[in-house]
């Protein structure tokens, strides 16, 4: 997908060469599917008030190294967004961790490939307890369009903004969950 430079500027990305285009689809699930989990991370996201910034800490459940980053997202549409990220040391993360915002906690499970495709499944905790979402990122629009509905998902929610992280952080669970 070619991103219109003027649209990128209105989203706060004046130089497209520093932004990554994320292509993603999301599905609502009843539970974590009964398939092999390759890895899992306990994730805490802080959606910083008054901004498009998200501070993330991902702690691998197997005890591996912790990943901390500050990201900025601008939605082009429901399936495409511009992203920039800065990876942070523990000390740098600590400088930002008390900024005002709303937190989401979840465990992201990376599944073994199903029909040659890999999916992540987020099992939410806290105020979002009971919510289970699957997501998949794609390298191209063609790959994204060709991906079938995963067999373990209830329905696709990519086009429903109430299932995006920032919306969930601000408003909580959609009523039908």
N, C-alpha and C. Protein backbone atom coordinates (compact mmCIF):
# COMPACT_ATOMS: atom_id res chain seq x y z
N UNK A 1 0.85 -1.18 0.00
CA UNK A 1 0.00 0.00 0.00
C UNK A 1 0.89 1.23 0.00
N UNK A 2 0.63 2.12 -0.91
CA UNK A 2 1.32 3.41 -0.91
C UNK A 2 0.58 4.36 0.02
N UNK A 3 1.33 4.99 0.90
CA UNK A 3 0.75 5.93 1.85
C UNK A 3 0.89 7.33 1.28
N UNK A 4 -0.20 8.04 1.24
CA UNK A 4 -0.20 9.42 0.78
C UNK A 4 0.62 10.26 1.76
N UNK A 5 1.66 10.95 1.29
CA UNK A 5 2.50 11.75 2.20
C UNK A 5 1.72 12.81 2.99
N UNK A 6 0.69 13.38 2.39
CA UNK A 6 -0.10 14.39 3.11
C UNK A 6 -0.88 13.74 4.25
N UNK A 7 -1.45 12.56 4.00
CA UNK A 7 -2.14 11.82 5.07
C UNK A 7 -1.16 11.48 6.18
N UNK A 8 0.02 11.02 5.82
CA UNK A 8 1.04 10.70 6.82
C UNK A 8 1.36 11.92 7.68
N UNK A 9 1.50 13.08 7.04
CA UNK A 9 1.78 14.31 7.81
C UNK A 9 0.65 14.63 8.79
N UNK A 10 -0.61 14.44 8.34
CA UNK A 10 -1.73 14.73 9.25
C UNK A 10 -1.76 13.75 10.42
N UNK A 11 -1.20 12.57 10.24
CA UNK A 11 -1.12 11.59 11.33
C UNK A 11 0.11 11.81 12.21
N UNK A 12 0.94 12.80 11.85
CA UNK A 12 2.12 13.12 12.66
C UNK A 12 3.39 12.43 12.23
N UNK A 13 3.44 11.96 10.98
CA UNK A 13 4.63 11.29 10.45
C UNK A 13 5.15 12.10 9.26
N UNK A 14 5.95 13.17 9.51
CA UNK A 14 6.37 14.06 8.44
C UNK A 14 7.33 13.41 7.44
N UNK A 15 8.06 12.38 7.86
CA UNK A 15 9.00 11.70 6.96
C UNK A 15 8.68 10.22 6.97
N UNK A 16 8.10 9.74 5.89
CA UNK A 16 7.69 8.34 5.81
C UNK A 16 8.88 7.38 5.91
N UNK A 17 10.07 7.82 5.58
CA UNK A 17 11.21 6.90 5.61
C UNK A 17 11.52 6.42 7.02
N UNK A 18 10.99 7.09 8.04
CA UNK A 18 11.23 6.67 9.42
C UNK A 18 10.07 5.87 10.01
N UNK A 19 9.04 5.62 9.22
CA UNK A 19 7.86 4.90 9.71
C UNK A 19 7.75 3.54 9.03
N UNK A 20 7.25 2.59 9.76
CA UNK A 20 6.99 1.25 9.28
C UNK A 20 5.48 1.13 9.03
N UNK A 21 5.08 0.51 7.92
CA UNK A 21 3.66 0.28 7.66
C UNK A 21 3.30 -1.09 8.21
N UNK A 22 2.42 -1.10 9.20
CA UNK A 22 1.93 -2.36 9.78
C UNK A 22 0.62 -2.72 9.09
N UNK A 23 0.53 -3.98 8.66
CA UNK A 23 -0.70 -4.53 8.09
C UNK A 23 -1.16 -5.61 9.06
N UNK A 24 -2.37 -5.46 9.58
CA UNK A 24 -2.80 -6.37 10.64
C UNK A 24 -4.30 -6.63 10.55
N UNK A 25 -4.68 -7.86 10.88
CA UNK A 25 -6.08 -8.23 11.05
C UNK A 25 -6.25 -8.83 12.44
N UNK A 26 -7.48 -8.68 13.01
CA UNK A 26 -7.78 -9.17 14.36
C UNK A 26 -9.07 -9.98 14.36
N UNK A 27 -9.11 -10.99 15.23
CA UNK A 27 -10.28 -11.85 15.37
C UNK A 27 -10.61 -12.04 16.85
N UNK A 28 -11.90 -12.08 17.16
CA UNK A 28 -12.38 -12.37 18.50
C UNK A 28 -12.41 -13.88 18.69
N UNK A 29 -11.95 -14.34 19.85
CA UNK A 29 -11.91 -15.77 20.15
C UNK A 29 -12.64 -16.04 21.47
N UNK A 30 -13.14 -17.23 21.63
CA UNK A 30 -13.80 -17.61 22.88
C UNK A 30 -12.76 -17.93 23.96
N UNK A 31 -11.61 -18.47 23.52
CA UNK A 31 -10.57 -18.87 24.46
C UNK A 31 -9.26 -19.06 23.69
N UNK A 32 -8.20 -19.31 24.40
CA UNK A 32 -6.93 -19.67 23.77
C UNK A 32 -7.14 -20.99 23.04
N UNK A 33 -6.83 -21.07 21.75
CA UNK A 33 -7.08 -22.32 21.02
C UNK A 33 -6.21 -23.46 21.55
N UNK A 34 -6.70 -24.65 21.34
CA UNK A 34 -6.03 -25.86 21.81
C UNK A 34 -5.00 -26.31 20.77
N UNK A 35 -3.99 -25.47 20.57
CA UNK A 35 -2.88 -25.77 19.67
C UNK A 35 -1.58 -25.45 20.39
N UNK A 36 -0.47 -25.89 19.83
CA UNK A 36 0.82 -25.67 20.46
C UNK A 36 1.15 -24.18 20.54
N UNK A 37 1.56 -23.74 21.73
CA UNK A 37 2.04 -22.38 21.94
C UNK A 37 3.57 -22.43 21.86
N UNK A 38 4.14 -21.65 20.95
CA UNK A 38 5.58 -21.63 20.74
C UNK A 38 6.29 -20.78 21.79
N UNK A 39 5.67 -19.62 22.12
CA UNK A 39 6.23 -18.73 23.14
C UNK A 39 5.11 -17.85 23.67
N UNK A 40 5.38 -17.23 24.81
CA UNK A 40 4.38 -16.35 25.41
C UNK A 40 5.08 -15.24 26.18
N UNK A 41 4.48 -14.04 26.12
CA UNK A 41 5.00 -12.87 26.83
C UNK A 41 3.89 -12.25 27.66
N UNK A 42 4.22 -11.87 28.88
CA UNK A 42 3.32 -11.04 29.69
C UNK A 42 3.59 -9.60 29.27
N UNK A 43 2.55 -8.94 28.76
CA UNK A 43 2.70 -7.60 28.20
C UNK A 43 1.92 -6.59 29.03
N UNK A 44 2.56 -5.48 29.33
CA UNK A 44 1.89 -4.33 29.91
C UNK A 44 2.05 -3.17 28.94
N UNK A 45 0.93 -2.63 28.50
CA UNK A 45 0.92 -1.48 27.60
C UNK A 45 0.38 -0.27 28.36
N UNK A 46 1.08 0.84 28.26
CA UNK A 46 0.60 2.11 28.80
C UNK A 46 0.28 3.01 27.60
N UNK A 47 -1.01 3.31 27.43
CA UNK A 47 -1.45 4.25 26.40
C UNK A 47 -1.42 5.63 27.04
N UNK A 48 -0.46 6.44 26.62
CA UNK A 48 -0.18 7.72 27.27
C UNK A 48 -1.24 8.75 26.89
N UNK A 49 -1.85 9.35 27.93
CA UNK A 49 -2.92 10.33 27.73
C UNK A 49 -2.50 11.44 26.78
N UNK A 50 -3.45 11.86 25.94
CA UNK A 50 -3.25 13.01 25.07
C UNK A 50 -2.27 12.79 23.94
N UNK A 51 -2.00 11.52 23.59
CA UNK A 51 -1.00 11.25 22.56
C UNK A 51 -1.36 9.98 21.80
N UNK A 52 -0.54 9.67 20.82
CA UNK A 52 -0.62 8.39 20.10
C UNK A 52 0.51 7.47 20.55
N UNK A 53 1.05 7.73 21.72
CA UNK A 53 2.19 6.97 22.22
C UNK A 53 1.74 5.80 23.08
N UNK A 54 2.48 4.69 22.91
CA UNK A 54 2.26 3.50 23.74
C UNK A 54 3.60 3.03 24.26
N UNK A 55 3.67 2.87 25.57
CA UNK A 55 4.86 2.33 26.22
C UNK A 55 4.59 0.86 26.50
N UNK A 56 5.46 -0.02 26.01
CA UNK A 56 5.23 -1.47 26.16
C UNK A 56 6.39 -2.13 26.87
N UNK A 57 6.04 -3.03 27.77
CA UNK A 57 7.01 -3.93 28.38
C UNK A 57 6.51 -5.35 28.13
N UNK A 58 7.34 -6.18 27.52
CA UNK A 58 7.00 -7.57 27.23
C UNK A 58 8.00 -8.48 27.93
N UNK A 59 7.48 -9.28 28.87
CA UNK A 59 8.32 -10.18 29.66
C UNK A 59 8.06 -11.62 29.21
N UNK A 60 9.04 -12.25 28.55
CA UNK A 60 8.85 -13.63 28.13
C UNK A 60 8.59 -14.54 29.34
N UNK A 61 7.59 -15.39 29.22
CA UNK A 61 7.25 -16.28 30.34
C UNK A 61 8.32 -17.33 30.56
N UNK A 62 9.20 -17.54 29.57
CA UNK A 62 10.28 -18.52 29.74
C UNK A 62 11.51 -17.90 30.41
N UNK A 63 11.40 -16.62 30.81
CA UNK A 63 12.51 -15.97 31.50
C UNK A 63 13.51 -15.29 30.59
N UNK A 64 13.25 -15.20 29.32
CA UNK A 64 14.17 -14.54 28.38
C UNK A 64 14.26 -13.05 28.64
N UNK A 65 15.04 -12.35 27.81
CA UNK A 65 15.22 -10.91 28.02
C UNK A 65 13.93 -10.11 27.82
N UNK A 66 13.74 -9.12 28.66
CA UNK A 66 12.57 -8.24 28.61
C UNK A 66 12.75 -7.24 27.47
N UNK A 67 11.66 -7.00 26.72
CA UNK A 67 11.67 -6.00 25.65
C UNK A 67 10.85 -4.81 26.13
N UNK A 68 11.45 -3.63 26.02
CA UNK A 68 10.76 -2.39 26.38
C UNK A 68 10.87 -1.43 25.20
N UNK A 69 9.75 -0.80 24.85
CA UNK A 69 9.80 0.15 23.74
C UNK A 69 8.70 1.19 23.86
N UNK A 70 9.00 2.33 23.27
CA UNK A 70 8.04 3.41 23.13
C UNK A 70 7.65 3.44 21.66
N UNK A 71 6.36 3.34 21.40
CA UNK A 71 5.88 3.32 20.03
C UNK A 71 4.89 4.44 19.79
N UNK A 72 4.79 4.81 18.54
CA UNK A 72 3.82 5.82 18.11
C UNK A 72 3.10 5.26 16.91
N UNK A 73 1.76 5.29 16.96
CA UNK A 73 0.96 4.72 15.88
C UNK A 73 0.01 5.76 15.32
N UNK A 74 -0.20 5.68 14.03
CA UNK A 74 -1.20 6.50 13.36
C UNK A 74 -1.96 5.62 12.39
N UNK A 75 -3.26 5.43 12.61
CA UNK A 75 -4.06 4.57 11.76
C UNK A 75 -4.35 5.24 10.42
N UNK A 76 -3.96 4.58 9.35
CA UNK A 76 -4.30 5.02 8.00
C UNK A 76 -5.73 4.56 7.70
N UNK A 77 -6.02 3.31 8.06
CA UNK A 77 -7.36 2.73 7.99
C UNK A 77 -7.38 1.56 8.97
N UNK A 78 -8.41 0.73 8.94
CA UNK A 78 -8.55 -0.33 9.94
C UNK A 78 -7.46 -1.39 9.87
N UNK A 79 -6.85 -1.58 8.70
CA UNK A 79 -5.85 -2.64 8.55
C UNK A 79 -4.43 -2.13 8.37
N UNK A 80 -4.25 -0.83 8.21
CA UNK A 80 -2.92 -0.26 7.97
C UNK A 80 -2.65 0.86 8.96
N UNK A 81 -1.45 0.84 9.53
CA UNK A 81 -1.06 1.95 10.40
C UNK A 81 0.42 2.22 10.23
N UNK A 82 0.78 3.46 10.49
CA UNK A 82 2.18 3.86 10.50
C UNK A 82 2.69 3.73 11.93
N UNK A 83 3.89 3.21 12.06
CA UNK A 83 4.47 2.97 13.39
C UNK A 83 5.93 3.41 13.40
N UNK A 84 6.31 4.03 14.49
CA UNK A 84 7.72 4.23 14.80
C UNK A 84 7.94 3.68 16.20
N UNK A 85 9.13 3.15 16.45
CA UNK A 85 9.44 2.57 17.76
C UNK A 85 10.85 2.93 18.18
N UNK A 86 11.00 3.08 19.48
CA UNK A 86 12.31 3.27 20.10
C UNK A 86 12.44 2.19 21.17
N UNK A 87 13.46 1.38 21.06
CA UNK A 87 13.71 0.36 22.09
C UNK A 87 14.43 1.02 23.25
N UNK A 88 14.05 0.65 24.46
CA UNK A 88 14.49 1.33 25.66
C UNK A 88 15.23 0.40 26.61
N UNK A 89 16.18 0.97 27.34
CA UNK A 89 16.81 0.24 28.45
C UNK A 89 15.84 0.25 29.63
N UNK A 90 16.15 -0.52 30.64
CA UNK A 90 15.31 -0.54 31.84
C UNK A 90 15.24 0.86 32.47
N UNK A 91 16.37 1.56 32.52
CA UNK A 91 16.40 2.90 33.12
C UNK A 91 15.59 3.89 32.29
N UNK A 92 15.68 3.81 30.96
CA UNK A 92 14.90 4.70 30.10
C UNK A 92 13.41 4.43 30.25
N UNK A 93 13.06 3.15 30.31
CA UNK A 93 11.66 2.77 30.50
C UNK A 93 11.12 3.35 31.81
N UNK A 94 11.93 3.25 32.87
CA UNK A 94 11.51 3.74 34.18
C UNK A 94 11.21 5.25 34.16
N UNK A 95 11.91 6.01 33.31
CA UNK A 95 11.66 7.44 33.20
C UNK A 95 10.25 7.74 32.68
N UNK A 96 9.70 6.83 31.88
CA UNK A 96 8.41 7.06 31.22
C UNK A 96 7.25 6.30 31.86
N UNK A 97 7.55 5.33 32.70
CA UNK A 97 6.53 4.40 33.20
C UNK A 97 5.44 5.05 34.05
N UNK A 98 5.70 6.22 34.62
CA UNK A 98 4.71 6.88 35.47
C UNK A 98 3.95 8.00 34.76
N UNK A 99 4.11 8.09 33.45
CA UNK A 99 3.34 9.08 32.71
C UNK A 99 1.85 8.77 32.84
N UNK A 100 0.99 9.80 32.78
CA UNK A 100 -0.45 9.55 32.90
C UNK A 100 -0.96 8.80 31.67
N UNK A 101 -1.80 7.82 31.92
CA UNK A 101 -2.37 7.04 30.84
C UNK A 101 -3.14 5.86 31.38
N UNK A 102 -3.51 4.99 30.49
CA UNK A 102 -4.29 3.80 30.85
C UNK A 102 -3.50 2.56 30.46
N UNK A 103 -3.53 1.59 31.36
CA UNK A 103 -2.76 0.36 31.16
C UNK A 103 -3.66 -0.80 30.73
N UNK A 104 -3.07 -1.64 29.92
CA UNK A 104 -3.67 -2.92 29.53
C UNK A 104 -2.66 -3.99 29.87
N UNK A 105 -3.15 -5.10 30.43
CA UNK A 105 -2.29 -6.25 30.70
C UNK A 105 -2.85 -7.45 29.94
N UNK A 106 -1.93 -8.19 29.33
CA UNK A 106 -2.33 -9.36 28.56
C UNK A 106 -1.16 -10.31 28.46
N UNK A 107 -1.47 -11.54 28.11
CA UNK A 107 -0.43 -12.51 27.77
C UNK A 107 -0.59 -12.81 26.29
N UNK A 108 0.48 -12.58 25.54
CA UNK A 108 0.47 -12.86 24.10
C UNK A 108 1.09 -14.24 23.89
N UNK A 109 0.30 -15.12 23.30
CA UNK A 109 0.74 -16.47 22.97
C UNK A 109 1.01 -16.52 21.47
N UNK A 110 2.21 -16.95 21.09
CA UNK A 110 2.53 -17.15 19.67
C UNK A 110 2.31 -18.62 19.37
N UNK A 111 1.40 -18.88 18.43
CA UNK A 111 1.00 -20.25 18.12
C UNK A 111 1.91 -20.86 17.08
N UNK A 112 2.02 -22.19 17.13
CA UNK A 112 2.69 -22.92 16.05
C UNK A 112 1.88 -22.68 14.78
N UNK A 113 2.52 -22.72 13.62
CA UNK A 113 1.80 -22.44 12.37
C UNK A 113 0.58 -23.36 12.17
N UNK A 114 -0.49 -22.74 11.69
CA UNK A 114 -1.71 -23.44 11.33
C UNK A 114 -1.87 -23.24 9.83
N UNK A 115 -1.84 -24.33 9.07
CA UNK A 115 -1.91 -24.25 7.61
C UNK A 115 -0.87 -23.27 7.06
N UNK A 116 0.32 -23.30 7.66
CA UNK A 116 1.42 -22.46 7.18
C UNK A 116 1.37 -21.01 7.65
N UNK A 117 0.39 -20.66 8.48
CA UNK A 117 0.26 -19.28 8.95
C UNK A 117 0.44 -19.23 10.46
N UNK A 118 1.15 -18.18 10.92
CA UNK A 118 1.32 -18.01 12.36
C UNK A 118 0.37 -16.94 12.87
N UNK A 119 -0.14 -17.15 14.07
CA UNK A 119 -1.06 -16.22 14.71
C UNK A 119 -0.59 -15.97 16.14
N UNK A 120 -0.88 -14.78 16.63
CA UNK A 120 -0.72 -14.48 18.03
C UNK A 120 -2.10 -14.43 18.67
N UNK A 121 -2.18 -14.84 19.92
CA UNK A 121 -3.45 -14.78 20.65
C UNK A 121 -3.20 -14.08 21.97
N UNK A 122 -3.92 -12.98 22.19
CA UNK A 122 -3.80 -12.20 23.42
C UNK A 122 -4.93 -12.57 24.36
N UNK A 123 -4.56 -12.98 25.58
CA UNK A 123 -5.52 -13.27 26.64
C UNK A 123 -5.38 -12.12 27.64
N UNK A 124 -6.43 -11.32 27.74
CA UNK A 124 -6.37 -10.08 28.53
C UNK A 124 -6.69 -10.35 30.00
N UNK A 125 -6.14 -9.51 30.86
CA UNK A 125 -6.40 -9.57 32.29
C UNK A 125 -6.96 -8.25 32.77
N UNK A 126 -7.09 -8.13 34.10
CA UNK A 126 -7.58 -6.88 34.69
C UNK A 126 -8.98 -6.55 34.26
N UNK A 127 -9.22 -5.28 33.93
CA UNK A 127 -10.55 -4.82 33.52
C UNK A 127 -11.02 -5.47 32.22
N UNK A 128 -10.11 -6.06 31.46
CA UNK A 128 -10.45 -6.69 30.19
C UNK A 128 -10.50 -8.22 30.30
N UNK A 129 -10.54 -8.72 31.52
CA UNK A 129 -10.61 -10.17 31.76
C UNK A 129 -11.74 -10.77 30.94
N UNK A 130 -11.45 -11.89 30.29
CA UNK A 130 -12.44 -12.56 29.45
C UNK A 130 -12.29 -12.27 27.97
N UNK A 131 -11.54 -11.22 27.62
CA UNK A 131 -11.33 -10.89 26.22
C UNK A 131 -10.15 -11.69 25.68
N UNK A 132 -10.37 -12.34 24.54
CA UNK A 132 -9.31 -13.09 23.86
C UNK A 132 -9.35 -12.66 22.39
N UNK A 133 -8.25 -12.10 21.92
CA UNK A 133 -8.15 -11.65 20.54
C UNK A 133 -6.95 -12.32 19.86
N UNK A 134 -7.15 -12.69 18.62
CA UNK A 134 -6.05 -13.19 17.81
C UNK A 134 -5.69 -12.10 16.81
N UNK A 135 -4.42 -12.05 16.44
CA UNK A 135 -3.99 -11.09 15.43
C UNK A 135 -2.93 -11.72 14.56
N UNK A 136 -2.81 -11.16 13.39
CA UNK A 136 -1.77 -11.59 12.47
C UNK A 136 -1.32 -10.37 11.69
N UNK A 137 0.00 -10.24 11.55
CA UNK A 137 0.57 -9.18 10.72
C UNK A 137 0.99 -9.77 9.38
N UNK A 138 1.01 -8.92 8.36
CA UNK A 138 1.27 -9.37 7.00
C UNK A 138 2.33 -8.49 6.34
N UNK A 139 3.07 -9.09 5.41
CA UNK A 139 4.11 -8.37 4.67
C UNK A 139 3.53 -7.58 3.50
N UNK A 140 2.37 -8.01 2.99
CA UNK A 140 1.80 -7.33 1.83
C UNK A 140 0.28 -7.31 1.92
N UNK A 141 -0.34 -6.44 1.14
CA UNK A 141 -1.80 -6.39 1.08
C UNK A 141 -2.35 -7.67 0.47
N UNK A 142 -1.63 -8.24 -0.48
CA UNK A 142 -2.08 -9.48 -1.13
C UNK A 142 -2.09 -10.63 -0.13
N UNK A 143 -1.04 -10.73 0.67
CA UNK A 143 -0.99 -11.77 1.71
C UNK A 143 -2.12 -11.57 2.71
N UNK A 144 -2.38 -10.33 3.09
CA UNK A 144 -3.44 -10.03 4.05
C UNK A 144 -4.81 -10.44 3.49
N UNK A 145 -5.07 -10.11 2.24
CA UNK A 145 -6.35 -10.44 1.62
C UNK A 145 -6.54 -11.94 1.46
N UNK A 146 -5.45 -12.68 1.29
CA UNK A 146 -5.55 -14.13 1.06
C UNK A 146 -5.67 -14.95 2.34
N UNK A 147 -5.51 -14.32 3.49
CA UNK A 147 -5.54 -15.07 4.75
C UNK A 147 -6.98 -15.42 5.13
N UNK A 148 -7.28 -16.71 5.27
CA UNK A 148 -8.64 -17.09 5.66
C UNK A 148 -8.87 -16.85 7.16
N UNK A 149 -10.13 -16.89 7.53
CA UNK A 149 -10.55 -16.81 8.92
C UNK A 149 -9.91 -17.97 9.68
N UNK A 150 -9.17 -17.72 10.78
CA UNK A 150 -8.56 -18.83 11.51
C UNK A 150 -9.65 -19.76 12.08
N UNK A 151 -9.41 -21.06 12.07
CA UNK A 151 -10.45 -22.01 12.49
C UNK A 151 -10.88 -21.87 13.95
N UNK A 152 -10.05 -21.27 14.77
CA UNK A 152 -10.36 -21.17 16.20
C UNK A 152 -11.07 -19.86 16.57
N UNK A 153 -11.22 -18.94 15.63
CA UNK A 153 -11.80 -17.62 15.92
C UNK A 153 -13.31 -17.61 15.75
N UNK A 154 -13.97 -16.76 16.54
CA UNK A 154 -15.42 -16.59 16.44
C UNK A 154 -15.80 -15.72 15.25
N UNK A 155 -15.12 -14.54 15.16
CA UNK A 155 -15.42 -13.61 14.08
C UNK A 155 -14.29 -12.60 13.96
N UNK A 156 -14.20 -12.00 12.78
CA UNK A 156 -13.20 -10.97 12.56
C UNK A 156 -13.69 -9.64 13.13
N UNK A 157 -12.79 -8.91 13.80
CA UNK A 157 -13.13 -7.62 14.39
C UNK A 157 -12.18 -6.51 13.91
N UNK A 158 -11.45 -6.77 12.84
CA UNK A 158 -10.50 -5.78 12.32
C UNK A 158 -11.16 -4.43 12.05
N UNK A 159 -12.34 -4.45 11.48
CA UNK A 159 -13.03 -3.21 11.10
C UNK A 159 -13.77 -2.56 12.27
N UNK A 160 -13.79 -3.20 13.43
CA UNK A 160 -14.50 -2.67 14.60
C UNK A 160 -13.48 -1.96 15.51
N UNK A 161 -13.50 -0.63 15.55
CA UNK A 161 -12.49 0.11 16.33
C UNK A 161 -12.53 -0.19 17.83
N UNK A 162 -13.62 -0.77 18.32
CA UNK A 162 -13.72 -1.07 19.76
C UNK A 162 -12.77 -2.19 20.20
N UNK A 163 -12.14 -2.87 19.24
CA UNK A 163 -11.20 -3.94 19.57
C UNK A 163 -9.75 -3.53 19.36
N UNK A 164 -9.50 -2.27 19.12
CA UNK A 164 -8.13 -1.75 19.02
C UNK A 164 -7.62 -1.44 20.43
N UNK A 165 -6.32 -1.58 20.64
CA UNK A 165 -5.75 -1.40 21.97
C UNK A 165 -6.07 -0.08 22.63
N UNK A 166 -5.92 1.02 21.89
CA UNK A 166 -6.19 2.34 22.46
C UNK A 166 -7.65 2.49 22.88
N UNK A 167 -8.57 1.97 22.08
CA UNK A 167 -10.00 2.05 22.42
C UNK A 167 -10.28 1.21 23.66
N UNK A 168 -9.74 -0.01 23.70
CA UNK A 168 -9.94 -0.89 24.86
C UNK A 168 -9.40 -0.24 26.13
N UNK A 169 -8.23 0.41 26.02
CA UNK A 169 -7.64 1.06 27.19
C UNK A 169 -8.53 2.19 27.70
N UNK A 170 -9.11 2.94 26.78
CA UNK A 170 -9.93 4.10 27.17
C UNK A 170 -11.34 3.74 27.59
N UNK A 171 -11.94 2.70 26.97
CA UNK A 171 -13.37 2.43 27.16
C UNK A 171 -13.69 1.07 27.77
N UNK A 172 -12.73 0.17 27.83
CA UNK A 172 -13.00 -1.16 28.39
C UNK A 172 -13.62 -2.11 27.38
N UNK A 173 -14.17 -3.18 27.92
CA UNK A 173 -14.74 -4.23 27.08
C UNK A 173 -15.95 -3.76 26.29
N UNK A 174 -16.00 -4.13 25.01
CA UNK A 174 -17.25 -3.89 24.26
C UNK A 174 -18.37 -4.69 24.92
N UNK A 175 -19.61 -4.21 24.88
CA UNK A 175 -20.71 -4.83 25.62
C UNK A 175 -20.96 -6.30 25.29
N UNK A 176 -20.72 -6.72 24.05
CA UNK A 176 -21.06 -8.08 23.68
C UNK A 176 -20.05 -9.12 24.09
N UNK A 177 -18.92 -8.72 24.68
CA UNK A 177 -17.89 -9.69 25.08
C UNK A 177 -18.31 -10.34 26.39
